[in-house]
Protein backbone atom coordinates (compact mmCIF):
# COMPACT_ATOMS: atom_id res chain seq x y z
CA MET A 1 58.39 -15.11 -86.92
CA SER A 2 59.79 -18.59 -86.41
CA ILE A 3 61.13 -19.69 -83.04
CA VAL A 4 64.71 -19.84 -84.38
CA LEU A 5 64.51 -16.33 -85.83
CA SER A 6 62.94 -15.08 -82.62
CA LYS A 7 65.78 -16.57 -80.53
CA VAL A 8 68.37 -14.84 -82.75
CA ALA A 9 66.48 -11.55 -83.10
CA GLU A 10 65.45 -11.00 -79.50
CA PRO A 11 68.89 -10.31 -77.93
CA TYR A 12 69.76 -7.84 -80.69
CA ALA A 13 66.38 -6.12 -80.41
CA GLU A 14 66.74 -5.90 -76.62
CA ALA A 15 70.27 -4.51 -76.95
CA LEU A 16 69.08 -1.83 -79.37
CA LEU A 17 66.19 -0.99 -77.05
CA ASP A 18 68.57 -0.65 -74.09
CA LEU A 19 70.89 1.55 -76.15
CA ALA A 20 68.02 3.75 -77.29
CA LYS A 21 66.72 4.15 -73.74
CA SER A 22 70.18 4.96 -72.37
CA ASN A 23 70.71 7.58 -75.10
CA ASP A 24 67.19 8.96 -74.57
CA SER A 25 66.48 8.27 -78.24
CA LEU A 26 63.75 5.63 -78.06
CA LYS A 27 61.31 7.61 -80.21
CA GLU A 28 63.98 8.33 -82.85
CA THR A 29 65.21 4.73 -82.91
CA THR A 30 61.65 3.43 -83.16
CA ASN A 31 61.10 5.72 -86.14
CA ASP A 32 64.38 4.48 -87.67
CA MET A 33 63.38 0.85 -87.27
CA ASN A 34 59.99 1.59 -88.82
CA ILE A 35 61.86 3.01 -91.84
CA VAL A 36 64.09 -0.06 -91.98
CA SER A 37 61.10 -2.37 -91.69
CA GLN A 38 59.27 -0.56 -94.49
CA PHE A 39 62.33 -0.74 -96.76
CA LEU A 40 62.58 -4.47 -96.18
CA ALA A 41 58.85 -4.99 -96.68
CA ASN A 42 58.91 -3.09 -99.97
CA SER A 43 62.13 -4.53 -101.40
CA SER A 44 62.54 -8.26 -101.70
CA ASP A 45 65.75 -7.55 -103.66
CA LEU A 46 67.26 -5.79 -100.65
CA LYS A 47 66.33 -8.70 -98.37
CA LYS A 48 67.87 -11.18 -100.81
CA PHE A 49 71.01 -9.07 -101.15
CA LEU A 50 71.52 -8.76 -97.40
CA GLY A 51 70.85 -12.46 -96.90
CA ASN A 52 73.23 -13.62 -99.64
CA PRO A 53 76.31 -15.19 -97.99
CA LEU A 54 78.37 -14.75 -101.18
CA ILE A 55 78.23 -10.96 -100.99
CA THR A 56 81.04 -9.41 -98.95
CA LYS A 57 80.46 -7.56 -95.70
CA ASP A 58 81.93 -4.40 -97.23
CA ALA A 59 79.47 -4.53 -100.13
CA LYS A 60 76.57 -5.01 -97.71
CA LYS A 61 77.79 -2.11 -95.55
CA ASN A 62 78.02 0.15 -98.59
CA VAL A 63 74.48 -0.70 -99.66
CA VAL A 64 73.12 -0.17 -96.14
CA LYS A 65 74.88 3.21 -95.95
CA ASP A 66 73.71 4.24 -99.43
CA ILE A 67 70.09 3.22 -98.94
CA LEU A 68 69.48 4.04 -95.28
CA GLY A 69 72.34 6.31 -94.23
CA GLU A 70 70.56 9.59 -94.88
CA GLN A 71 67.23 8.43 -93.47
CA ILE A 72 68.18 7.00 -90.07
CA SER A 73 70.23 8.20 -87.13
CA ASP A 74 73.95 7.49 -86.82
CA SER A 75 73.44 5.18 -83.85
CA THR A 76 70.89 3.06 -85.72
CA LEU A 77 73.18 2.97 -88.77
CA LYS A 78 76.07 1.81 -86.57
CA PHE A 79 73.82 -0.91 -85.18
CA LEU A 80 73.00 -2.11 -88.72
CA LEU A 81 76.70 -2.13 -89.63
CA LEU A 82 77.38 -4.17 -86.48
CA LEU A 83 74.79 -6.68 -87.68
CA VAL A 84 76.72 -6.95 -90.96
CA ASP A 85 79.97 -7.52 -89.05
CA ARG A 86 78.37 -10.22 -86.92
CA THR A 87 76.76 -11.90 -89.93
CA ARG A 88 73.27 -11.21 -88.57
CA ILE A 89 72.07 -8.70 -91.14
CA GLU A 90 70.06 -11.46 -92.84
CA VAL A 91 67.71 -11.49 -89.82
CA LEU A 92 67.31 -7.71 -89.80
CA ASP A 93 63.60 -7.93 -90.59
CA SER A 94 63.01 -10.14 -87.54
CA ILE A 95 65.18 -7.89 -85.35
CA ALA A 96 63.27 -4.81 -86.52
CA GLN A 97 59.90 -6.44 -85.83
CA LYS A 98 60.97 -7.61 -82.38
CA PHE A 99 62.44 -4.18 -81.56
CA LEU A 100 59.20 -2.44 -82.59
CA GLU A 101 57.19 -4.86 -80.48
CA LEU A 102 59.39 -4.19 -77.43
CA SER A 103 59.45 -0.44 -78.04
CA TYR A 104 55.68 -0.23 -78.34
CA LYS A 105 55.27 -2.15 -75.09
CA GLN A 106 57.55 0.42 -73.40
CA GLU A 107 55.25 3.19 -74.58
CA SER A 108 52.03 1.25 -73.76
CA ILE A 109 51.24 0.89 -77.44
CA GLU A 110 49.60 -2.33 -78.51
CA ILE A 111 49.85 -3.73 -82.01
CA ALA A 112 46.66 -5.20 -83.41
CA LYS A 113 47.03 -7.34 -86.52
CA ILE A 114 43.93 -7.07 -88.63
CA THR A 115 42.85 -9.41 -91.39
CA SER A 116 40.02 -8.17 -93.55
CA SER A 117 38.66 -9.27 -96.90
CA ILE A 118 37.97 -5.63 -97.79
CA GLN A 119 39.98 -2.44 -97.45
CA LEU A 120 39.01 -0.74 -94.19
CA SER A 121 38.31 2.97 -94.31
CA ALA A 122 40.14 5.37 -92.03
CA ASP A 123 36.97 5.75 -89.94
CA GLN A 124 36.63 1.97 -89.56
CA GLN A 125 40.28 1.68 -88.56
CA LYS A 126 39.88 4.46 -86.01
CA GLU A 127 36.73 2.86 -84.57
CA ILE A 128 38.52 -0.51 -84.21
CA ALA A 129 41.51 1.17 -82.58
CA GLU A 130 39.30 3.04 -80.10
CA LYS A 131 37.48 -0.14 -79.10
CA LEU A 132 40.78 -1.98 -78.68
CA LYS A 133 42.11 0.84 -76.46
CA VAL A 134 39.17 0.32 -74.13
CA ILE A 135 39.59 -3.47 -74.12
CA THR A 136 43.37 -3.49 -73.63
CA GLY A 137 43.85 -0.34 -71.56
CA ALA A 138 46.65 0.73 -73.93
CA LYS A 139 47.41 4.39 -74.53
CA GLN A 140 47.62 3.79 -78.26
CA ILE A 141 46.79 1.06 -80.75
CA LYS A 142 48.86 0.54 -83.87
CA LEU A 143 47.01 -1.38 -86.53
CA ALA A 144 48.92 -3.75 -88.77
CA LYS A 145 47.52 -5.54 -91.79
CA SER A 146 49.01 -8.74 -93.18
CA GLY A 147 52.17 -8.33 -91.12
CA SER A 148 53.05 -4.85 -92.38
CA ALA A 149 52.32 -1.74 -90.39
CA ILE A 150 49.65 0.67 -91.54
CA ASN A 151 51.23 4.03 -90.97
CA ARG A 152 48.43 5.42 -88.84
CA TRP A 153 48.68 6.32 -85.19
CA PHE A 154 45.53 6.69 -83.18
CA HIS A 155 45.92 8.96 -80.18
CA ASN A 156 43.57 9.67 -77.30
C-alpha cells in the first residue's frame, strides 16, 4: 500500500474499528471486511467501477448493495455507503486491508506474508504458522500469499 493510500485509508479503518468495538461486533465486522477484500481481489471490474469518477454515487451505492448487501452486516454496509458519499470508495481495498491489519492486532493475530515458488501444502502452512506463533508470541498466525489472504486460520 502506498504512503498516500495509507494516509487516506488509516482514519477510515480506525473509525470502523472503533465502531465495531463500541458495538461489540469486531468479529462480525472483521468477517465482513474479509468478504469485501475477497470480492475486490477477485473482481478487477468491481474495483474499476467503484474507482470510476464518471459513475454516479447512486449507481455505486446500488451496486454495493446488490453485490454485498446480503453478505455483510448492516453497519458495514452503511460504512461502505458512507465511503461512496465521501468519494472514498475507490480506496476501499486499502481501507479493508488496513482495517484487517488493525483488527488482527487487537486479537493478537499476526499476518505473515509468504512468497513461495511452489504451492505449500496444508501441513507445510500449519508448520510455518506454528513456528511463527512461537517466534512472535501471537495467539494466531494468518498466512497471506501474494497479498491475498489464504482462508486458513491456525489455532492453538
